[in-house]
Protein backbone atom coordinates (compact mmCIF):
# COMPACT_ATOMS: atom_id res chain seq x y z
CA MET A 1 -21.06 -3.36 -5.54
CA PHE A 2 -17.77 -4.78 -6.62
CA SER A 3 -17.82 -4.69 -10.55
CA LYS A 4 -19.71 -1.13 -10.54
CA LEU A 5 -16.76 0.30 -8.08
CA CYS A 6 -14.17 -1.30 -10.39
CA MET A 7 -15.40 0.07 -13.43
CA ALA A 8 -15.90 3.33 -11.77
CA TRP A 9 -12.31 3.72 -11.51
CA VAL A 10 -11.29 2.36 -14.55
CA VAL A 11 -13.32 4.96 -16.44
CA LEU A 12 -11.86 7.56 -13.88
CA GLY A 13 -8.46 6.01 -15.40
CA GLY A 14 -9.68 6.73 -18.65
CA LEU A 15 -10.22 9.93 -17.97
CA VAL A 16 -6.95 11.33 -16.21
CA LEU A 17 -5.33 9.61 -19.30
CA LEU A 18 -7.67 12.00 -21.61
CA GLY A 19 -7.65 14.76 -19.31
CA PRO A 20 -5.72 18.71 -20.38
CA ARG A 21 -2.63 19.13 -18.91
CA ALA A 22 -2.69 21.25 -15.79
CA LYS A 23 -1.58 24.62 -15.28
CA GLY A 24 0.46 25.86 -12.69
CA GLN A 25 -0.33 26.44 -9.14
CA ASP A 26 0.38 28.48 -6.03
CA PRO A 27 2.14 26.35 -3.44
CA SER A 28 0.46 28.03 -0.74
CA ASN A 29 -2.68 26.55 -2.11
CA GLY A 30 -2.30 22.43 -1.27
CA PRO A 31 -0.14 20.34 1.69
CA GLN A 32 2.25 19.47 -1.31
CA LYS A 33 3.49 21.24 -4.46
CA PRO A 34 2.98 19.38 -7.36
CA ILE A 35 6.57 17.95 -8.91
CA PRO A 36 6.91 20.08 -12.26
CA PRO A 37 7.33 18.25 -15.63
CA VAL A 38 10.70 17.30 -16.48
CA GLY A 39 12.29 19.93 -18.62
CA ALA A 40 10.71 22.78 -17.12
CA GLU A 41 12.70 25.83 -16.63
CA GLU A 42 14.60 26.78 -13.35
CA SER A 43 12.82 29.79 -11.45
CA THR A 44 15.38 32.55 -11.82
CA SER A 45 14.53 33.85 -8.14
CA ALA A 46 17.22 33.76 -5.73
CA THR A 47 17.63 29.90 -3.95
CA ARG A 48 16.24 30.56 -0.48
CA GLN A 49 18.50 28.18 1.89
CA GLY A 50 17.41 27.11 5.25
CA ASP A 51 18.33 26.86 8.52
CA GLU A 52 21.43 25.04 9.49
CA GLY A 53 21.06 21.13 9.12
CA THR A 54 18.02 20.87 7.23
CA VAL A 55 17.51 20.65 3.66
CA PRO A 56 17.74 23.69 1.37
CA ALA A 57 14.60 25.22 0.44
CA GLN A 58 15.76 25.97 -3.28
CA GLU A 59 13.25 24.38 -6.14
CA PRO A 60 14.07 20.65 -6.24
CA LYS A 61 15.00 18.63 -9.21
CA ILE A 62 13.27 16.01 -10.25
CA ILE A 63 14.17 12.82 -11.77
CA PRO A 64 11.78 10.80 -13.79
CA ASP A 65 10.59 7.55 -12.62
CA ALA A 66 12.29 4.69 -13.87
CA ARG A 67 11.38 1.36 -11.91
CA PRO A 68 10.75 -1.14 -14.01
CA LEU A 69 7.28 -2.25 -15.26
CA ALA A 70 7.86 -5.72 -14.32
CA GLY A 71 9.39 -5.34 -11.36
CA ALA A 72 8.70 -5.55 -7.21
CA GLN A 73 7.45 -1.78 -6.67
CA ASN A 74 4.66 0.23 -7.51
CA LEU A 75 5.02 3.24 -10.14
CA ALA A 76 5.75 6.58 -9.00
CA LEU A 77 5.32 9.88 -10.19
CA GLY A 78 8.93 10.43 -9.27
CA ALA A 79 11.41 11.12 -7.27
CA ILE A 80 13.60 14.75 -5.82
CA ALA A 81 17.21 14.27 -6.56
CA PHE A 82 18.79 15.99 -3.51
CA ASN A 83 22.46 15.77 -2.97
CA HIS A 84 22.10 14.89 0.54
CA VAL A 85 20.50 12.14 2.80
CA PHE A 86 17.95 12.89 4.73
CA LEU A 87 15.65 12.32 7.41
CA GLN A 88 12.04 12.88 7.84
CA PRO A 89 10.46 12.83 11.70
CA SER A 90 7.24 13.03 12.18
CA PHE A 91 4.75 12.19 15.37
CA ASN A 92 1.02 11.39 15.40
CA VAL A 93 -1.67 11.62 18.08
CA THR A 94 -5.39 10.40 17.73
CA THR A 95 -8.18 9.39 19.81
CA GLN A 96 -11.11 7.85 18.32
CA ALA A 97 -14.26 6.07 19.44
CA GLU A 98 -16.28 3.23 18.02
CA ARG A 99 -19.34 0.92 18.46
CA PHE A 100 -18.20 -2.27 20.19
CA PRO A 101 -17.73 -4.88 17.44
CA ASP A 102 -19.95 -7.08 18.51
CA ASN A 103 -22.74 -4.89 19.77
CA SER A 104 -22.23 -6.21 23.46
CA VAL A 105 -21.49 -4.01 26.37
CA LEU A 106 -18.21 -3.56 28.19
CA ALA A 107 -17.92 -4.19 32.19
CA ASN A 108 -18.40 -0.61 32.85
CA GLY A 109 -22.32 -0.59 30.85
CA ASN A 110 -20.93 1.39 27.88
CA ASN A 111 -21.49 0.16 24.58
CA PHE A 112 -18.39 2.18 22.99
CA GLN A 113 -14.93 1.59 23.34
CA TYR A 114 -12.18 4.50 22.83
CA LEU A 115 -8.88 3.98 21.30
CA SER A 116 -5.70 6.54 21.13
CA TYR A 117 -3.21 6.09 18.80
CA LEU A 118 0.48 7.35 19.84
CA THR A 119 3.07 6.97 17.28
CA GLY A 120 6.31 8.37 15.84
CA ARG A 121 7.17 7.96 12.15
CA LEU A 122 10.77 8.47 10.45
CA GLY A 123 11.52 8.73 7.05
CA LEU A 124 14.72 8.33 5.28
CA ASN A 125 15.51 9.45 1.57
CA ARG A 126 19.06 9.28 -0.16
CA THR A 127 18.54 9.79 -3.96
CA SER A 128 21.83 9.91 -6.31
CA GLY A 129 22.98 8.86 -9.91
CA ARG A 130 24.33 5.50 -7.63
CA SER A 131 21.77 4.37 -5.36
CA ASP A 132 18.16 5.09 -4.12
CA LEU A 133 18.10 4.46 -0.50
CA LEU A 134 14.41 5.07 0.78
CA LEU A 135 13.13 3.72 4.76
CA ASP A 136 10.11 4.58 6.05
CA TYR A 137 9.19 3.59 9.80
CA THR A 138 6.33 3.97 12.36
CA ALA A 139 6.55 2.82 16.11
CA GLY A 140 4.12 3.07 19.05
CA GLY A 141 1.25 1.83 20.32
CA THR A 142 -2.62 1.69 20.84
CA PHE A 143 -4.33 2.17 24.18
CA SER A 144 -7.95 0.85 24.74
CA ASN A 145 -10.58 1.38 27.79
CA ASN A 146 -11.82 -2.68 26.32
CA PRO A 147 -10.18 -4.85 28.34
CA ILE A 148 -10.67 -7.06 25.86
CA GLN A 149 -9.35 -5.11 23.22
CA GLY A 150 -6.46 -4.05 25.31
CA ASN A 151 -3.59 -2.31 24.54
CA ALA A 152 -1.02 -3.12 21.70
CA ALA A 153 2.04 -2.26 19.97
CA ILE A 154 2.75 -0.85 16.14
CA GLN A 155 5.92 -1.68 14.58
CA ASN A 156 6.09 -1.25 10.72
CA LEU A 157 9.01 -0.58 8.63
CA ASP A 158 9.18 -0.47 4.91
CA PHE A 159 12.69 -0.29 3.22
CA SER A 160 14.42 -0.35 -0.32
CA ASP A 161 17.80 0.35 -1.64
CA THR A 162 18.96 -0.05 -5.52
CA ILE A 163 22.13 0.32 -6.12
CA HIS A 164 23.17 0.88 -10.40
CA TRP A 165 26.59 0.02 -12.00
CA GLY A 166 26.59 0.40 -15.65
CA ARG A 167 24.08 -1.92 -17.26
CA TRP A 168 23.02 -3.26 -13.92
CA SER A 169 20.78 -2.46 -11.31
CA GLN A 170 19.93 -4.36 -7.83
CA LEU A 171 17.44 -3.85 -5.26
CA PHE A 172 17.29 -4.90 -1.67
CA GLY A 173 13.88 -4.42 0.03
CA ASP A 174 12.04 -5.49 2.88
CA GLN A 175 8.92 -5.14 4.12
CA PHE A 176 7.89 -5.78 7.87
CA SER A 177 5.26 -5.15 10.29
CA TYR A 178 4.21 -6.08 13.78
CA LEU A 179 0.49 -5.31 14.17
CA SER A 180 -2.58 -6.31 16.14
CA GLU A 181 -5.09 -5.98 12.94
CA SER A 182 -4.93 -6.68 9.61
CA PRO A 183 -3.40 -3.09 7.97
CA PHE A 184 -6.40 -3.26 5.49
CA GLY A 185 -7.73 0.29 6.32
CA PHE A 186 -6.12 -0.01 9.33
CA GLY A 187 -7.76 1.15 12.60
CA GLY A 188 -10.27 2.92 10.71
CA LEU A 189 -7.89 5.53 9.53
CA GLY A 190 -8.04 4.55 5.98
CA GLY A 191 -4.50 2.66 6.31
CA LEU A 192 -0.95 2.96 8.26
CA ASN A 193 0.31 5.81 5.83
CA ASN A 194 -2.71 8.11 7.74
CA LEU A 195 -0.02 8.24 10.95
CA GLY A 196 2.35 11.08 10.84
CA ILE A 197 3.86 12.33 7.93
CA GLY A 198 5.77 10.06 5.73
CA LEU A 199 8.10 10.32 1.91
CA GLY A 200 5.15 8.42 0.31
CA ASN A 201 1.00 7.67 0.22
CA GLY A 202 1.25 3.82 -0.33
CA ALA A 203 0.77 4.02 -3.75
CA GLY A 204 4.14 5.09 -5.02
CA GLY A 205 2.83 8.39 -5.97
CA ALA A 206 3.99 10.86 -3.61
CA LEU A 207 6.65 13.66 -3.86
CA GLY A 208 9.91 11.93 -2.95
CA SER A 209 8.45 8.39 -3.46
CA SER A 210 8.72 5.20 -0.82
CA PRO A 211 9.42 2.04 -1.21
CA SER A 212 5.78 1.35 -2.24
CA PHE A 213 6.10 -2.88 -2.89
CA ARG A 214 3.16 -4.51 -5.06
CA ALA A 215 0.55 -5.90 -3.18
CA ASP A 216 0.54 -9.31 -4.64
CA LEU A 217 4.11 -9.65 -3.29
CA LEU A 218 3.49 -9.32 0.22
CA PRO A 219 1.36 -11.68 3.21
CA ASN A 220 -1.88 -10.95 2.43
CA GLN A 221 -4.18 -9.84 5.47
CA THR A 222 -7.87 -8.35 3.80
CA ILE A 223 -9.88 -10.74 6.21
CA LEU A 224 -10.57 -8.85 9.35
CA THR A 225 -10.73 -10.49 12.68
CA VAL A 226 -10.68 -8.87 16.17
CA ARG A 227 -7.39 -8.25 17.84
CA SER A 228 -4.77 -11.30 17.30
CA PRO A 229 -0.68 -9.94 16.88
CA ARG A 230 0.79 -10.93 13.85
CA ILE A 231 4.02 -11.12 12.31
CA SER A 232 4.22 -10.05 8.74
CA ASN A 233 7.52 -10.12 6.64
CA ALA A 234 8.79 -10.02 3.04
CA VAL A 235 12.40 -10.41 1.70
CA ILE A 236 12.69 -9.13 -1.54
CA ALA A 237 15.84 -9.07 -3.88
CA GLN A 238 15.40 -8.01 -7.77
CA THR A 239 17.70 -7.29 -10.92
CA ASP A 240 17.38 -5.32 -13.57
CA TYR A 241 19.65 -5.53 -16.88
CA GLU A 242 19.49 -3.29 -19.59
CA LEU A 243 19.79 -4.68 -22.91
CA SER A 244 19.55 -1.07 -24.67
CA ARG A 245 18.19 2.12 -23.94
CA ARG A 246 14.68 1.02 -24.44
CA SER A 247 14.53 -3.13 -23.14
CA SER A 248 15.62 -4.68 -20.32
CA LEU A 249 14.92 -8.15 -18.31
CA THR A 250 13.92 -8.03 -14.73
CA PHE A 251 14.19 -11.05 -12.05
CA VAL A 252 12.21 -10.57 -8.58
CA GLY A 253 12.54 -12.90 -5.87
CA SER A 254 10.67 -12.87 -2.35
CA TYR A 255 9.70 -14.88 0.76
CA GLY A 256 7.22 -13.74 2.65
CA ILE A 257 5.40 -14.85 6.11
CA LEU A 258 2.35 -14.34 8.47
CA LYS A 259 2.67 -15.66 11.73
CA PHE A 260 -0.39 -15.25 14.27
CA MET A 261 0.94 -15.04 17.91
CA ASP A 262 -2.06 -16.24 19.22
CA GLY A 263 -5.45 -16.92 18.47
CA GLY A 264 -5.22 -19.86 16.86
CA LEU A 265 -5.29 -18.44 13.25
CA GLN A 266 -3.80 -20.17 10.21
CA ASP A 267 -0.19 -19.15 9.73
CA GLY A 268 1.64 -19.19 6.18
CA SER A 269 4.48 -18.63 3.88
CA ASN A 270 5.39 -18.03 0.29
CA VAL A 271 8.27 -18.19 -2.00
CA LEU A 272 8.26 -16.04 -5.34
CA PHE A 273 10.08 -15.96 -8.49
CA GLN A 274 9.35 -13.12 -11.56
CA ALA A 275 11.22 -12.76 -14.67
CA GLY A 276 10.27 -10.06 -17.45
CA PHE A 277 10.84 -7.99 -20.11
CA ASN A 278 10.32 -4.33 -20.29
CA HIS A 279 10.34 -2.28 -23.18
CA THR A 280 9.89 1.50 -23.57
CA LEU A 281 7.92 2.78 -26.69
CA ASN A 282 8.52 6.39 -26.18
CA ARG A 283 9.14 8.98 -23.31
CA LYS A 284 5.37 8.01 -21.76
CA ASP A 285 4.12 4.70 -22.55
CA ALA A 286 6.10 1.01 -22.13
CA VAL A 287 5.08 -2.55 -21.90
CA SER A 288 6.46 -5.55 -20.50
CA VAL A 289 5.50 -9.43 -20.43
CA GLN A 290 6.33 -11.62 -17.15
CA TYR A 291 6.36 -15.04 -15.90
CA ARG A 292 5.68 -15.46 -12.43
CA PHE A 293 5.83 -18.83 -9.64
CA SER A 294 4.89 -18.59 -6.48
CA GLU A 295 4.19 -21.57 -3.87
CA PHE A 296 2.13 -21.29 -0.81
CA MET A 297 2.81 -23.44 2.47
CA PHE A 298 1.16 -23.95 5.51
CA PRO A 299 2.87 -25.45 8.91
CA ASN A 300 1.50 -28.89 10.02
CA GLN A 301 -0.34 -29.21 7.08
CA SER A 302 0.35 -31.47 3.81
CA GLU A 303 -1.19 -28.97 1.08
CA ARG A 304 1.02 -26.74 -0.66
CA ILE A 305 -0.13 -25.02 -3.71
CA GLY A 306 1.97 -23.85 -6.83
CA ASP A 307 0.80 -20.90 -8.96
CA HIS A 308 1.95 -19.94 -12.43
CA SER A 309 0.93 -17.24 -14.28
CA VAL A 310 2.21 -14.75 -17.57
CA GLN A 311 0.70 -10.94 -17.35
CA LEU A 312 0.91 -8.73 -20.37
CA THR A 313 1.27 -5.14 -18.91
CA TYR A 314 0.99 -1.43 -20.56
CA ALA A 315 1.92 1.74 -18.47
CA LYS A 316 1.69 5.52 -19.12
CA ARG A 317 4.01 7.64 -17.17
CA ILE A 318 4.30 11.55 -17.06
CA ALA A 319 6.84 12.63 -14.71
CA GLY A 320 5.46 14.89 -12.02
CA ARG A 321 1.88 14.22 -13.44
CA LEU A 322 0.54 10.85 -14.16
CA SER A 323 1.44 7.12 -13.48
CA TRP A 324 -0.66 4.72 -14.70
CA GLN A 325 -0.33 0.62 -15.69
CA ALA A 326 -2.69 -1.61 -16.27
CA GLY A 327 -1.62 -5.97 -17.21
CA ALA A 328 -3.62 -9.17 -17.19
CA GLY A 329 -3.15 -12.95 -18.10
CA PRO A 330 -4.15 -16.32 -17.51
CA GLU A 331 -2.52 -18.57 -14.61
CA VAL A 332 -2.94 -22.07 -13.50
CA ASN A 333 -2.83 -23.56 -9.81
CA VAL A 334 -1.60 -26.89 -9.04
CA PHE A 335 -2.79 -28.31 -5.91
CA ARG A 336 -0.59 -31.29 -4.04
CA THR A 337 -3.23 -33.07 -2.20
CA PRO A 338 -6.51 -31.47 -3.12
CA LEU A 339 -10.04 -32.40 -1.08
CA ALA A 340 -12.06 -32.02 -3.93
CA ASP A 341 -12.19 -31.20 -7.62
CA SER A 342 -9.25 -31.60 -9.99
CA SER A 343 -5.79 -31.09 -8.92
CA THR A 344 -5.44 -28.01 -11.17
CA ARG A 345 -7.12 -24.97 -11.83
CA VAL A 346 -6.90 -22.56 -14.36
CA ASN A 347 -7.94 -18.95 -13.93
CA TRP A 348 -6.72 -15.24 -14.68
CA THR A 349 -4.90 -12.24 -13.04
CA PHE A 350 -5.33 -8.76 -13.02
CA SER A 351 -3.41 -5.82 -11.83
CA SER A 352 -3.84 -1.94 -11.95
CA THR A 353 -2.27 1.17 -10.33
CA LEU A 354 -2.86 4.57 -10.81
CA SER A 355 -1.28 8.05 -9.66
CA TYR A 356 -2.27 11.42 -10.55
CA GLN A 357 -1.68 14.76 -9.27
CA ARG A 358 -3.40 17.91 -11.11
CA ASN A 359 -2.79 21.38 -9.04
CA VAL A 360 -4.50 20.96 -5.74
CA THR A 361 -6.45 17.44 -6.32
CA SER A 362 -4.45 13.95 -6.32
CA VAL A 363 -6.10 10.58 -6.95
CA GLY A 364 -4.80 7.26 -6.67
CA PHE A 365 -5.99 3.53 -6.73
CA ASN A 366 -4.66 -0.11 -6.93
CA PHE A 367 -6.30 -3.02 -7.81
CA ASN A 368 -5.07 -6.66 -7.91
CA ARG A 369 -6.67 -10.00 -8.36
CA PHE A 370 -4.24 -13.01 -7.94
CA LEU A 371 -3.91 -16.26 -5.67
CA SER A 372 -3.23 -15.22 -2.28
CA GLY A 373 -2.32 -16.97 1.39
CA GLY A 374 -5.95 -16.57 2.82
CA SER A 375 -5.51 -13.88 5.12
CA GLY A 376 -4.89 -16.60 8.04
CA ILE A 377 -8.42 -18.06 7.80
CA LEU A 378 -8.52 -20.02 4.56
CA GLN A 379 -5.48 -22.27 3.03
CA GLY A 380 -5.11 -20.41 -0.05
CA ALA A 381 -7.77 -17.77 -1.24
CA GLN A 382 -8.51 -16.39 -5.11
CA THR A 383 -8.20 -12.25 -3.57
CA SER A 384 -9.52 -9.64 -5.50
CA GLN A 385 -8.18 -6.35 -3.62
CA PHE A 386 -8.95 -2.53 -4.21
CA GLU A 387 -7.83 0.47 -2.57
CA GLY A 388 -8.35 3.56 -3.73
CA PHE A 389 -7.79 7.85 -2.41
CA LEU A 390 -9.04 11.32 -3.63
CA ASN A 391 -7.78 14.05 -1.84
CA ARG A 392 -8.00 17.82 -2.70
CA SER A 393 -6.94 21.02 -1.02
CA LEU A 394 -9.73 23.53 -0.08
CA GLY A 395 -8.03 26.95 0.11
CA ARG A 396 -4.86 28.22 2.15
CA ASN A 397 -4.84 25.88 4.86
CA TRP A 398 -8.41 23.17 4.62
CA ASP A 399 -8.35 20.01 2.68
CA THR A 400 -10.21 16.61 2.70
CA GLY A 401 -9.79 13.20 1.47
CA LEU A 402 -11.85 9.87 1.07
CA SER A 403 -10.20 6.59 1.43
CA LEU A 404 -12.01 3.49 -0.38
CA GLY A 405 -11.05 -0.23 0.03
CA TYR A 406 -12.93 -3.49 -1.12
CA SER A 407 -11.57 -7.31 -0.98
CA ARG A 408 -13.22 -10.36 -2.09
CA ASN A 409 -11.49 -13.64 -0.70
CA GLN A 410 -13.03 -16.64 -2.56
CA SER A 411 -12.36 -19.97 -0.98
CA LEU A 412 -10.76 -22.52 -3.11
CA GLN A 413 -12.43 -26.36 -3.36
CA GLN A 414 -9.27 -27.89 -3.28
CA THR A 415 -8.42 -27.21 0.14
CA THR A 416 -11.82 -26.52 1.73
CA PRO A 417 -14.72 -29.06 2.51
CA ALA A 418 -17.25 -28.41 -0.08
CA ALA A 419 -19.74 -27.59 2.36
CA ASN A 420 -18.00 -24.47 3.73
CA THR A 421 -16.94 -22.82 0.70
CA ILE A 422 -17.37 -19.15 0.93
CA SER A 423 -16.65 -15.57 -0.06
CA VAL A 424 -15.75 -13.19 2.53
CA ASP A 425 -16.23 -9.43 1.67
CA THR A 426 -14.97 -6.95 3.21
CA TRP A 427 -14.99 -3.01 2.83
CA PHE A 428 -14.06 0.02 4.22
CA ALA A 429 -14.88 3.57 3.53
CA THR A 430 -12.94 6.92 5.53
CA ALA A 431 -13.57 10.59 4.81
CA ARG A 432 -11.20 12.97 6.04
CA VAL A 433 -10.72 16.94 6.72
CA GLY A 434 -7.99 18.65 7.91
CA ARG A 435 -6.57 22.06 8.73
CA ARG A 436 -3.10 22.54 8.35
CA PHE A 437 -1.16 24.50 10.82
CA GLY A 438 2.63 26.09 10.16
CA ARG A 439 4.37 24.26 7.54
CA SER A 440 4.22 20.31 9.39
CA GLY A 441 1.17 20.39 11.66
CA ASN A 442 -2.23 19.15 10.80
CA LEU A 443 -5.36 18.87 12.65
CA PHE A 444 -7.59 16.07 11.12
CA PHE A 445 -11.12 14.45 11.80
CA ALA A 446 -12.27 11.34 10.18
CA TYR A 447 -15.07 8.98 9.73
CA THR A 448 -14.66 5.44 8.91
CA ALA A 449 -17.39 2.79 8.15
CA GLN A 450 -16.12 -0.68 7.59
CA LYS A 451 -18.16 -4.40 6.86
CA GLN A 452 -17.59 -7.79 6.52
CA SER A 453 -19.34 -10.80 5.69
CA ASN A 454 -20.08 -13.63 7.76
CA ILE A 455 -17.16 -16.00 8.12
CA SER A 456 -18.61 -18.75 10.94
CA SER A 457 -18.61 -21.48 8.19
CA VAL A 458 -15.22 -21.23 8.03
CA CYS A 459 -13.95 -20.15 11.34
CA LEU A 460 -15.05 -21.08 14.97
CA LEU A 461 -12.49 -18.90 16.64
CA SER A 462 -13.63 -16.02 18.93
CA ALA A 463 -11.00 -14.16 16.37
CA CYS A 464 -13.45 -14.43 13.88
CA GLY A 465 -16.44 -13.22 14.98
CA LEU A 466 -16.77 -9.97 13.01
CA ASN A 467 -19.47 -9.88 10.77
CA THR A 468 -21.33 -6.29 12.17
CA MET A 469 -21.10 -2.52 10.64
CA THR A 470 -18.87 -0.78 12.25
CA HIS A 471 -18.77 2.93 12.65
CA ILE A 472 -15.47 5.21 13.73
CA VAL A 473 -14.99 8.52 14.40
CA SER A 474 -11.30 10.01 15.05
CA VAL A 475 -9.52 12.92 15.59
CA GLY A 476 -5.99 13.51 15.46
CA TYR A 477 -2.91 15.70 14.89
CA ASN A 478 0.36 15.03 12.83
CA TRP A 479 3.48 17.29 13.19
CA GLY A 480 6.41 16.95 11.60
CA LEU A 481 10.22 18.36 12.12
CA ARG A 482 12.15 19.87 9.21
CA PRO A 483 13.80 17.35 7.03
CA ILE A 484 17.29 16.79 8.79
CA VAL A 485 20.45 16.46 6.44
CA ILE A 486 22.74 13.89 7.91
CA GLU A 487 25.13 13.80 5.40
């Protein structure tokens, strides 16, 4: 299943690259207007001004994506060049029903549980010649009729600030979350990005863009457990130096932690250093080569895992239309105190992302194969992680979407007793249909199916008991205010 799923999306990426150039569209036909290609003539119609204190309704200028290929962020379709700092506030309320995960019966005799989400979201965007400041913050809570699940808080922050001077640029970023469950397909909604209206879609390709850090730089959480509050945080710094108009050097450093507040799951942390060389072949094509070293550490455990990898990457970018990259290379894992097998393990890494927008259709995916910390269940894992989406407008006010996710976490012989070595397979699929009201309102209905293989052989805790098919039905409403100019 996994091989077929990956092959389907790789073929889709190839078709996108060979597809014809898109024609223009009526902006009323979709939820967001495609970014016009760079160099398109400006409209001769009069500029319409919004209400005082809001962003003018004029046709924006689009800045081509300039993120380094060997950097810490996913590539994007481009960014809007506003001469303002603006805020995008939005809100969400969602109610959903799901079959109780372990098929047991609640105290009131009902075998279904009901959840409600109430969240607020705030996006901040400041793009200028000297600085690119992006922030996406979500806060709220979930409320359940299941006393075992209980109520829980939601806190998620993605932040990046890139400062340019001369040939140098410096990025400071942070990805923080306080959640009661894994963000992988979060809450049966297909992910946190479906709560409210943000500046990005999580793949780095939306109008206005978002911080959108690479998945293999963040603490991994693709093994699902029952609710257990956890803190995930990754601090990221990046320096880029232009050797010439076509070449640059990029250096990335990060430190990440994953800490569980209860449930007895395994805390972990990792440090990372990456150095890469980027070269632009022409206006659309670029290549890079990078070396990465990372080390995974586990509190109160003697085992440490070092990871050395080299990756060669190719990318194709068309501003406002396409962003695609794929890279692969060897990796060497070094174990300090292996339980079995050799202290050195040779493997390979692969990463690929796609963002594509044509008329009323947008599609994207993110696939990574890398060494991870084990999601709080395993002491290190060989992880393959895929997430993809397909969105399409249906006429003037309706839209539909499909989100897919699949992960495989292979336990390591060097850190797991031989009798317990397993592969944990997790997948989810979310189908969604929405009805737009006005400029910023959206009523949506969604259905999610998710399943995970049994992990009882490596985790005897009650938090590890998810191994059944779960069906979730959701209805929600997102609404946003006009972007507010603050500078």
